[in-house]
Amino acid sequence: MLLELGHDEKEGKPFLKCEYNLYGDSYRSPWSNQFFPPVEPAEGQEDELIYPSQDLLEMEQKANEVFSRYAKLYYDNNFHTSVYFFDTDDNGFGSCWLVKKTMQYPGSSEDSVWDSIHVVKTTNDAVNKAKYKVTSTVFLTLSSNNAVQGAIDMAGNVTRFKEELVNLDPKQDAST
């Protein structure tokens, strides 16, 4: 699934759409915490809208600021980032880190696109231990058409997983 851009009409900023900010046909912006297009839940179902808890919302806002700065240094231009945090039912939380980078080669009418989706699930497993599970997927679509190479259209993706149990107490790490 290629990432698509949404527009936060309240803040005037673009954001990336994915399954982690989707509710019905609307997507939640990390900039204003509002859904676009606006969602009008049925009477009595106002609680069904999915928002992160206040602590996660604060982490989400900071993560979006920092990740955008990082991406500016790494990708330079023609990129968009969004980070979404979400509560889980198993004594933890999750986050989704998105990057969309586009580039148009000279003579090509199509954009080449790099979409990356990184999902991190954090669970408190035991006293002073946390389990991190990271799933990263990168989609790459290359399009070019010039006299030297002719028409080229290539696409592919790769997904990687990593899971680790870590100590949250640095003193405990030093003693092992």
C-alpha atoms as a PDB file:
ATOM      1  CA  MET A   1       0.000   0.000   0.000  1.00  0.00           C
ATOM      2  CA  LEU A   2       1.570   3.261  -1.089  1.00  0.00           C
ATOM      3  CA  LEU A   3       1.274   6.112   1.365  1.00  0.00           C
ATOM      4  CA  GLU A   4      -1.032   8.968   0.411  1.00  0.00           C
ATOM      5  CA  LEU A   5      -1.003  12.580   1.532  1.00  0.00           C
ATOM      6  CA  GLY A   6      -3.823  14.158   3.479  1.00  0.00           C
ATOM      7  CA  HIS A   7      -4.197  17.817   4.380  1.00  0.00           C
ATOM      8  CA  ASP A   8      -4.862  19.173   7.859  1.00  0.00           C
ATOM      9  CA  GLU A   9      -7.200  22.079   7.120  1.00  0.00           C
ATOM     10  CA  LYS A  10      -6.918  23.442  10.668  1.00  0.00           C
ATOM     11  CA  GLU A  11      -3.096  23.602  10.793  1.00  0.00           C
ATOM     12  CA  GLY A  12      -2.530  23.941   7.029  1.00  0.00           C
ATOM     13  CA  LYS A  13      -0.044  21.042   6.990  1.00  0.00           C
ATOM     14  CA  PRO A  14       0.139  17.814   5.008  1.00  0.00           C
ATOM     15  CA  PHE A  15       0.149  14.443   6.775  1.00  0.00           C
ATOM     16  CA  LEU A  16       0.503  10.839   5.660  1.00  0.00           C
ATOM     17  CA  LYS A  17      -2.459   8.475   5.661  1.00  0.00           C
ATOM     18  CA  CYS A  18      -2.198   4.883   6.851  1.00  0.00           C
ATOM     19  CA  GLU A  19      -4.196   2.259   8.735  1.00  0.00           C
ATOM     20  CA  TYR A  20      -2.953   3.633  12.078  1.00  0.00           C
ATOM     21  CA  ASN A  21      -4.751   6.975  11.680  1.00  0.00           C
ATOM     22  CA  LEU A  22      -7.803   5.692   9.779  1.00  0.00           C
ATOM     23  CA  TYR A  23     -11.386   5.789  11.050  1.00  0.00           C
ATOM     24  CA  GLY A  24     -14.011   4.931   8.425  1.00  0.00           C
ATOM     25  CA  ASP A  25     -13.151   7.134   5.448  1.00  0.00           C
ATOM     26  CA  SER A  26     -11.339   9.762   7.537  1.00  0.00           C
ATOM     27  CA  TYR A  27      -7.747  10.103   8.700  1.00  0.00           C
ATOM     28  CA  ARG A  28      -6.490  11.684  11.923  1.00  0.00           C
ATOM     29  CA  SER A  29      -3.863  14.375  11.511  1.00  0.00           C
ATOM     30  CA  PRO A  30      -0.936  14.291  13.937  1.00  0.00           C
ATOM     31  CA  TRP A  31      -0.786  18.099  13.814  1.00  0.00           C
ATOM     32  CA  SER A  32      -4.274  18.947  15.140  1.00  0.00           C
ATOM     33  CA  ASN A  33      -5.488  15.517  16.355  1.00  0.00           C
ATOM     34  CA  GLN A  34      -8.600  16.015  14.178  1.00  0.00           C
ATOM     35  CA  PHE A  35     -10.023  13.758  11.470  1.00  0.00           C
ATOM     36  CA  PHE A  36     -10.179  14.831   7.804  1.00  0.00           C
ATOM     37  CA  PRO A  37     -12.709  14.819   6.356  1.00  0.00           C
ATOM     38  CA  PRO A  38     -14.441  15.501   9.679  1.00  0.00           C
ATOM     39  CA  VAL A  39     -16.122  12.508  11.293  1.00  0.00           C
ATOM     40  CA  GLU A  40     -19.672  12.801  12.554  1.00  0.00           C
ATOM     41  CA  PRO A  41     -20.231   9.715  14.711  1.00  0.00           C
ATOM     42  CA  ALA A  42     -23.755   8.450  15.133  1.00  0.00           C
ATOM     43  CA  GLU A  43     -25.562   9.586  18.254  1.00  0.00           C
ATOM     44  CA  GLY A  44     -24.280   7.688  21.271  1.00  0.00           C
ATOM     45  CA  GLN A  45     -21.134   6.504  19.447  1.00  0.00           C
ATOM     46  CA  GLU A  46     -18.894   9.505  20.136  1.00  0.00           C
ATOM     47  CA  ASP A  47     -16.604   7.301  22.239  1.00  0.00           C
ATOM     48  CA  GLU A  48     -15.815   5.091  19.246  1.00  0.00           C
ATOM     49  CA  LEU A  49     -13.467   7.646  17.669  1.00  0.00           C
ATOM     50  CA  ILE A  50      -9.926   6.475  18.292  1.00  0.00           C
ATOM     51  CA  TYR A  51      -7.528   9.006  19.777  1.00  0.00           C
ATOM     52  CA  PRO A  52      -4.288   8.358  21.645  1.00  0.00           C
ATOM     53  CA  SER A  53      -4.252   8.933  25.407  1.00  0.00           C
ATOM     54  CA  GLN A  54      -2.977  12.332  26.540  1.00  0.00           C
ATOM     55  CA  ASP A  55       0.509  10.978  27.389  1.00  0.00           C
ATOM     56  CA  LEU A  56       0.795   9.298  23.993  1.00  0.00           C
ATOM     57  CA  LEU A  57      -0.531  12.394  22.227  1.00  0.00           C
ATOM     58  CA  GLU A  58       2.248  14.473  23.810  1.00  0.00           C
ATOM     59  CA  MET A  59       4.850  11.887  22.741  1.00  0.00           C
ATOM     60  CA  GLU A  60       3.310  11.832  19.240  1.00  0.00           C
ATOM     61  CA  GLN A  61       3.573  15.600  18.890  1.00  0.00           C
ATOM     62  CA  LYS A  62       7.231  15.626  19.998  1.00  0.00           C
ATOM     63  CA  ALA A  63       8.026  12.645  17.765  1.00  0.00           C
ATOM     64  CA  ASN A  64       6.541  14.425  14.728  1.00  0.00           C
ATOM     65  CA  GLU A  65       8.701  17.502  15.368  1.00  0.00           C
ATOM     66  CA  VAL A  66      11.899  15.490  15.830  1.00  0.00           C
ATOM     67  CA  PHE A  67      11.240  13.018  12.997  1.00  0.00           C
ATOM     68  CA  SER A  68      10.508  15.848  10.555  1.00  0.00           C
ATOM     69  CA  ARG A  69      13.868  17.466  11.423  1.00  0.00           C
ATOM     70  CA  TYR A  70      15.666  14.150  11.041  1.00  0.00           C
ATOM     71  CA  ALA A  71      14.051  13.533   7.646  1.00  0.00           C
ATOM     72  CA  LYS A  72      15.043  17.029   6.462  1.00  0.00           C
ATOM     73  CA  LEU A  73      18.679  16.176   7.161  1.00  0.00           C
ATOM     74  CA  TYR A  74      18.435  12.694   5.638  1.00  0.00           C
ATOM     75  CA  TYR A  75      16.120  13.206   2.639  1.00  0.00           C
ATOM     76  CA  ASP A  76      16.816  16.925   1.944  1.00  0.00           C
ATOM     77  CA  ASN A  77      13.616  17.779   0.031  1.00  0.00           C
ATOM     78  CA  ASN A  78      10.427  16.369  -1.519  1.00  0.00           C
ATOM     79  CA  PHE A  79       9.551  14.295   1.544  1.00  0.00           C
ATOM     80  CA  HIS A  80       6.743  14.015   4.080  1.00  0.00           C
ATOM     81  CA  THR A  81       6.741  12.355   7.486  1.00  0.00           C
ATOM     82  CA  SER A  82       4.104  11.473  10.037  1.00  0.00           C
ATOM     83  CA  VAL A  83       4.240   9.644  13.358  1.00  0.00           C
ATOM     84  CA  TYR A  84       1.214   8.137  15.080  1.00  0.00           C
ATOM     85  CA  PHE A  85       1.064   6.714  18.613  1.00  0.00           C
ATOM     86  CA  PHE A  86      -1.687   4.383  19.763  1.00  0.00           C
ATOM     87  CA  ASP A  87      -2.750   2.619  22.938  1.00  0.00           C
ATOM     88  CA  THR A  88      -2.747  -1.176  23.059  1.00  0.00           C
ATOM     89  CA  ASP A  89      -4.616  -3.614  25.274  1.00  0.00           C
ATOM     90  CA  ASP A  90      -1.529  -5.406  26.593  1.00  0.00           C
ATOM     91  CA  ASN A  91       0.197  -3.044  29.027  1.00  0.00           C
ATOM     92  CA  GLY A  92       2.004  -1.047  26.365  1.00  0.00           C
ATOM     93  CA  PHE A  93       1.651   1.169  23.341  1.00  0.00           C
ATOM     94  CA  GLY A  94       2.540   1.311  19.696  1.00  0.00           C
ATOM     95  CA  SER A  95       3.822   3.858  17.226  1.00  0.00           C
ATOM     96  CA  CYS A  96       3.954   4.103  13.459  1.00  0.00           C
ATOM     97  CA  TRP A  97       6.696   6.139  11.749  1.00  0.00           C
ATOM     98  CA  LEU A  98       6.056   7.036   8.087  1.00  0.00           C
ATOM     99  CA  VAL A  99       8.222   8.573   5.359  1.00  0.00           C
ATOM    100  CA  LYS A 100       7.262   9.397   1.785  1.00  0.00           C
ATOM    101  CA  LYS A 101      10.034  10.666  -0.499  1.00  0.00           C
ATOM    102  CA  THR A 102       9.381  11.527  -4.137  1.00  0.00           C
ATOM    103  CA  MET A 103      11.753  12.362  -6.959  1.00  0.00           C
ATOM    104  CA  GLN A 104      11.229  12.938 -10.643  1.00  0.00           C
ATOM    105  CA  TYR A 105      14.033  11.971 -13.005  1.00  0.00           C
ATOM    106  CA  PRO A 106      14.767  14.340 -15.908  1.00  0.00           C
ATOM    107  CA  GLY A 107      12.621  13.463 -18.895  1.00  0.00           C
ATOM    108  CA  SER A 108      10.209  11.343 -16.870  1.00  0.00           C
ATOM    109  CA  SER A 109       6.554  12.205 -16.391  1.00  0.00           C
ATOM    110  CA  GLU A 110       6.205   9.893 -13.367  1.00  0.00           C
ATOM    111  CA  ASP A 111       7.484  10.326  -9.817  1.00  0.00           C
ATOM    112  CA  SER A 112       9.782   7.749  -8.302  1.00  0.00           C
ATOM    113  CA  VAL A 113       8.667   7.060  -4.745  1.00  0.00           C
ATOM    114  CA  TRP A 114      10.196   5.749  -1.510  1.00  0.00           C
ATOM    115  CA  ASP A 115       7.556   4.885   1.106  1.00  0.00           C
ATOM    116  CA  SER A 116       8.651   3.491   4.444  1.00  0.00           C
ATOM    117  CA  ILE A 117       6.474   2.293   7.305  1.00  0.00           C
ATOM    118  CA  HIS A 118       8.029   1.448  10.663  1.00  0.00           C
ATOM    119  CA  VAL A 119       5.731   0.063  13.366  1.00  0.00           C
ATOM    120  CA  VAL A 120       7.066  -0.220  16.910  1.00  0.00           C
ATOM    121  CA  LYS A 121       5.103  -2.083  19.563  1.00  0.00           C
ATOM    122  CA  THR A 122       6.282  -1.622  23.148  1.00  0.00           C
ATOM    123  CA  THR A 123       5.081  -3.870  25.953  1.00  0.00           C
ATOM    124  CA  ASN A 124       6.052  -3.846  29.630  1.00  0.00           C
ATOM    125  CA  ASP A 125       6.849  -7.544  30.047  1.00  0.00           C
ATOM    126  CA  ALA A 126       8.168  -7.741  33.597  1.00  0.00           C
ATOM    127  CA  VAL A 127       9.533  -5.554  36.350  1.00  0.00           C
ATOM    128  CA  ASN A 128      11.990  -3.127  34.728  1.00  0.00           C
ATOM    129  CA  LYS A 129      11.810  -4.890  31.349  1.00  0.00           C
ATOM    130  CA  ALA A 130      10.202  -3.873  28.080  1.00  0.00           C
ATOM    131  CA  LYS A 131       9.691  -5.835  24.890  1.00  0.00           C
ATOM    132  CA  TYR A 132      10.117  -3.959  21.627  1.00  0.00           C
ATOM    133  CA  LYS A 133       8.879  -5.389  18.356  1.00  0.00           C
ATOM    134  CA  VAL A 134       9.798  -3.419  15.232  1.00  0.00           C
ATOM    135  CA  THR A 135       8.395  -4.123  11.775  1.00  0.00           C
ATOM    136  CA  SER A 136       9.846  -2.049   8.932  1.00  0.00           C
ATOM    137  CA  THR A 137       8.624  -2.098   5.353  1.00  0.00           C
ATOM    138  CA  VAL A 138      10.020  -0.083   2.462  1.00  0.00           C
ATOM    139  CA  PHE A 139       8.245   0.259  -0.889  1.00  0.00           C
ATOM    140  CA  LEU A 140      10.277   1.586  -3.822  1.00  0.00           C
ATOM    141  CA  THR A 141       8.831   2.572  -7.190  1.00  0.00           C
ATOM    142  CA  LEU A 142      11.246   3.792  -9.886  1.00  0.00           C
ATOM    143  CA  SER A 143      10.022   5.378 -13.095  1.00  0.00           C
ATOM    144  CA  SER A 144      12.149   6.924 -15.816  1.00  0.00           C
ATOM    145  CA  ASN A 145      11.934   7.544 -19.529  1.00  0.00           C
ATOM    146  CA  ASN A 146      14.895   8.970 -21.423  1.00  0.00           C
ATOM    147  CA  ALA A 147      16.789   8.494 -24.686  1.00  0.00           C
ATOM    148  CA  VAL A 148      19.668   6.557 -23.108  1.00  0.00           C
ATOM    149  CA  GLN A 149      17.713   4.035 -21.018  1.00  0.00           C
ATOM    150  CA  GLY A 150      14.278   4.113 -22.601  1.00  0.00           C
ATOM    151  CA  ALA A 151      11.201   3.560 -20.456  1.00  0.00           C
ATOM    152  CA  ILE A 152      11.850   1.962 -17.073  1.00  0.00           C
ATOM    153  CA  ASP A 153       9.257   1.087 -14.441  1.00  0.00           C
ATOM    154  CA  MET A 154      10.343  -0.993 -11.450  1.00  0.00           C
ATOM    155  CA  ALA A 155       8.798  -1.587  -8.064  1.00  0.00           C
ATOM    156  CA  GLY A 156       9.571  -3.703  -5.052  1.00  0.00           C
ATOM    157  CA  ASN A 157       9.335  -3.928  -1.315  1.00  0.00           C
ATOM    158  CA  VAL A 158      11.154  -5.453   1.633  1.00  0.00           C
ATOM    159  CA  THR A 159       9.989  -6.096   5.200  1.00  0.00           C
ATOM    160  CA  ARG A 160      12.149  -6.783   8.254  1.00  0.00           C
ATOM    161  CA  PHE A 161      11.264  -7.677  11.858  1.00  0.00           C
ATOM    162  CA  LYS A 162      13.187  -7.389  15.112  1.00  0.00           C
ATOM    163  CA  GLU A 163      12.060  -8.206  18.621  1.00  0.00           C
ATOM    164  CA  GLU A 164      14.049  -7.578  21.783  1.00  0.00           C
ATOM    165  CA  LEU A 165      13.570  -7.649  25.540  1.00  0.00           C
ATOM    166  CA  VAL A 166      15.520  -4.857  27.239  1.00  0.00           C
ATOM    167  CA  ASN A 167      16.194  -3.762  30.805  1.00  0.00           C
ATOM    168  CA  LEU A 168      14.717  -0.399  31.717  1.00  0.00           C
ATOM    169  CA  ASP A 169      17.059  -0.001  34.671  1.00  0.00           C
ATOM    170  CA  PRO A 170      20.538   1.066  33.434  1.00  0.00           C
ATOM    171  CA  LYS A 171      22.122  -0.095  36.721  1.00  0.00           C
ATOM    172  CA  GLN A 172      20.876  -3.591  36.005  1.00  0.00           C
ATOM    173  CA  ASP A 173      22.573  -3.553  32.562  1.00  0.00           C
ATOM    174  CA  ALA A 174      25.887  -2.450  34.079  1.00  0.00           C
ATOM    175  CA  SER A 175      25.950  -5.339  36.541  1.00  0.00           C
ATOM    176  CA  THR A 176      25.492  -8.087  33.932  1.00  0.00           C
END
